[in-house]
Protein backbone atom coordinates (compact mmCIF):
# COMPACT_ATOMS: atom_id res chain seq x y z
CA MET A 1 -5.15 33.38 46.55
CA ASP A 2 -5.12 31.04 49.32
CA SER A 3 -2.88 27.75 48.55
CA HIS A 4 -5.17 25.82 50.63
CA SER A 5 -8.44 26.71 49.53
CA SER A 6 -12.07 24.44 50.53
CA SER A 7 -13.08 22.01 48.15
CA SER A 8 -15.84 23.95 46.99
CA SER A 9 -14.32 26.51 44.64
CA SER A 10 -11.93 23.92 42.49
CA THR A 11 -14.66 20.92 41.97
CA SER A 12 -12.49 18.72 40.01
CA TYR A 13 -14.50 16.10 37.27
CA ARG A 14 -11.29 13.93 36.87
CA ARG A 15 -7.68 13.46 37.84
CA GLN A 16 -5.06 14.41 35.43
CA GLN A 17 -1.27 13.13 35.24
CA SER A 18 1.41 15.26 34.06
CA SER A 19 5.20 15.25 33.51
CA ASN A 20 6.02 18.29 34.77
CA LEU A 21 3.48 17.84 37.61
CA GLN A 22 5.24 15.81 40.42
CA GLU A 23 2.16 13.56 41.79
CA GLY A 24 2.51 11.64 44.97
CA ARG A 25 5.03 13.84 47.01
CA ASN A 26 3.38 14.44 49.63
CA VAL A 27 0.65 12.44 51.69
CA CYS A 28 -2.84 13.92 52.44
CA GLU A 29 -4.70 13.73 56.20
CA CYS A 30 -5.72 10.51 55.45
CA GLY A 31 -2.27 9.28 54.73
CA VAL A 32 -3.05 8.78 51.23
CA THR A 33 -0.49 10.28 48.47
CA GLU A 34 -1.86 12.95 46.77
CA VAL A 35 -2.59 13.06 42.81
CA ILE A 36 -3.31 15.98 40.24
CA TRP A 37 -6.51 16.79 39.62
CA THR A 38 -8.32 19.39 37.49
CA SER A 39 -10.61 22.35 38.45
CA TRP A 40 -13.62 22.86 36.28
CA THR A 41 -15.13 25.85 38.08
CA SER A 42 -16.00 29.36 36.49
CA GLU A 43 -13.25 30.77 38.89
CA ASN A 44 -10.68 28.19 38.18
CA PRO A 45 -11.32 26.52 34.70
CA GLY A 46 -8.40 24.25 33.76
CA ARG A 47 -6.45 24.81 36.78
CA ARG A 48 -4.41 22.36 38.75
CA PHE A 49 -4.23 21.18 42.05
CA TYR A 50 -3.13 18.66 44.17
CA GLY A 51 -5.82 16.61 45.76
CA CYS A 52 -5.90 13.00 47.84
CA ARG A 53 -7.17 9.50 45.69
CA ASN A 54 -10.52 10.17 47.71
CA TYR A 55 -11.01 13.64 47.26
CA ARG A 56 -14.71 14.61 47.43
CA SER A 57 -16.03 17.43 45.18
CA SER A 58 -18.97 19.94 45.45
CA LYS A 59 -21.01 17.43 42.81
CA GLY A 60 -20.41 14.65 43.85
CA VAL A 61 -18.22 13.49 41.70
CA ILE A 62 -16.60 10.85 43.74
CA PRO A 63 -19.52 9.51 46.05
CA LYS A 64 -18.38 8.04 49.58
CA ALA A 65 -15.19 10.28 49.62
CA GLY A 66 -13.83 11.98 52.63
CA CYS A 67 -10.69 13.79 52.36
CA ASN A 68 -10.64 17.60 51.35
CA HIS A 69 -6.71 17.67 50.75
CA PHE A 70 -5.88 20.23 48.19
CA ARG A 71 -3.59 22.70 47.42
CA TRP A 72 -2.37 24.73 44.04
CA CYS A 73 -0.09 23.08 41.69
CA HIS A 74 0.97 26.68 39.66
CA VAL A 75 -0.07 30.30 40.34
CA GLU A 76 -3.34 31.53 38.90
CA MET A 77 -4.02 32.03 35.99
CA SER A 78 -4.21 35.27 33.99
CA ASP A 79 -8.19 36.80 33.68
CA ARG A 80 -7.52 36.19 30.01
CA VAL A 81 -7.14 32.59 29.91
CA LYS A 82 -9.68 32.27 32.74
CA GLU A 83 -12.00 34.17 30.19
CA VAL A 84 -10.76 31.52 27.09
CA PHE A 85 -11.76 28.76 29.15
CA LYS A 86 -14.92 29.99 30.34
CA THR A 87 -15.42 30.53 26.13
CA LEU A 88 -14.43 26.98 25.40
CA LYS A 89 -16.51 25.64 28.01
CA MET A 90 -19.84 27.33 26.94
CA GLU A 91 -19.09 26.36 23.63
CA LYS A 92 -18.24 22.95 24.02
CA PRO A 93 -22.37 21.57 23.95
CA ALA A 94 -23.27 23.32 20.75
CA LEU A 95 -19.96 22.14 19.08
CA LEU A 96 -20.84 18.57 20.80
CA LYS A 97 -24.25 18.65 19.23
CA GLU A 98 -23.11 20.47 15.44
CA ASN A 99 -20.53 16.82 16.36
CA ARG A 100 -23.61 14.16 16.48
CA ASN A 101 -25.97 16.45 13.93
CA LEU A 102 -22.93 16.10 11.45
CA ALA A 103 -22.52 12.17 12.39
CA LYS A 104 -26.30 11.84 11.54
CA GLN A 105 -25.51 13.52 8.01
CA CYS A 106 -23.44 10.89 7.62
CA GLU A 107 -24.84 8.57 8.06
CA SER A 108 -27.95 9.44 5.97
CA VAL A 109 -25.29 9.79 3.58
CA LEU A 110 -24.25 5.96 4.03
CA VAL A 111 -27.62 4.66 3.80
CA ALA A 112 -28.53 6.53 0.43
CA GLU A 113 -25.33 5.97 -0.73
CA ASN A 114 -25.97 1.95 0.08
CA ALA A 115 -29.02 2.07 -1.26
CA VAL A 116 -27.65 3.62 -4.44
CA GLN A 117 -25.52 0.67 -4.59
CA LYS A 118 -27.97 -1.87 -4.26
CA LYS A 119 -29.91 -0.50 -6.82
CA ALA A 120 -26.75 0.00 -9.71
CA ASN A 121 -26.07 -3.77 -8.62
CA SER A 122 -29.13 -5.08 -9.17
CA GLU A 123 -29.48 -2.83 -12.63
CA MET A 124 -25.88 -4.56 -13.46
CA LEU A 125 -26.95 -7.95 -12.50
CA MET A 126 -30.30 -7.55 -15.24
CA MET A 127 -28.09 -6.08 -17.88
CA LYS A 128 -25.59 -8.72 -17.63
CA LYS A 129 -28.92 -11.07 -18.02
CA SER A 130 -30.02 -9.03 -20.59
CA LEU A 131 -26.64 -9.52 -22.58
CA LYS A 132 -26.22 -13.16 -22.34
CA ARG A 133 -29.97 -13.39 -23.98
CA VAL A 134 -28.73 -11.21 -26.61
CA LYS A 135 -25.86 -13.62 -27.16
CA PHE A 136 -27.63 -16.58 -27.22
CA ALA A 137 -29.94 -14.79 -29.69
CA LEU A 138 -27.16 -13.90 -32.02
CA PHE A 139 -25.41 -17.22 -31.69
CA VAL A 140 -28.79 -18.60 -32.67
CA THR A 141 -28.92 -16.26 -35.84
CA TRP A 142 -25.30 -16.83 -37.05
CA LEU A 143 -26.47 -20.70 -36.69
CA LEU A 144 -29.79 -20.18 -38.99
CA LEU A 145 -28.03 -17.84 -41.64
CA ILE A 146 -24.76 -20.13 -42.23
CA SER A 147 -27.37 -23.30 -42.34
CA ILE A 148 -29.39 -21.51 -44.99
CA TRP A 149 -26.54 -20.56 -46.39
CA LEU A 150 -24.59 -23.71 -46.23
CA GLY A 151 -27.84 -25.23 -48.02
CA LYS A 152 -28.01 -23.12 -51.13
CA ILE A 153 -24.39 -24.16 -51.97
């Protein structure tokens, strides 16, 4: 593959830096040092390339950009790696949806748990009040019994 492909074949959604790739070694046509981008197209998924900070993609990720400076960082990936990237990219929406559903379920469980906790706290408070009444009644009963017993002596 040509080391200077067009921007439409290597759309990048974000700029990434890596210690083994040396960003900023070259200057593009508009005089800005290049940065490392990642391609997420079906032809080059996950493949890194050097591009201008003002790089413009075919999806318009960076509006009003005007530089198409581009060169690959390393050799093209094997077909197997590309297939794995494509599969992972296709699975991502379903996994994100599942994650959102699980988060909603967790939230529902937490709401239910809070309701149960509130009810348990309310019942415990009622039991404490009831226990106080029973203790008071027992105390009064003992006083009556003691006064009756002392009256007979």
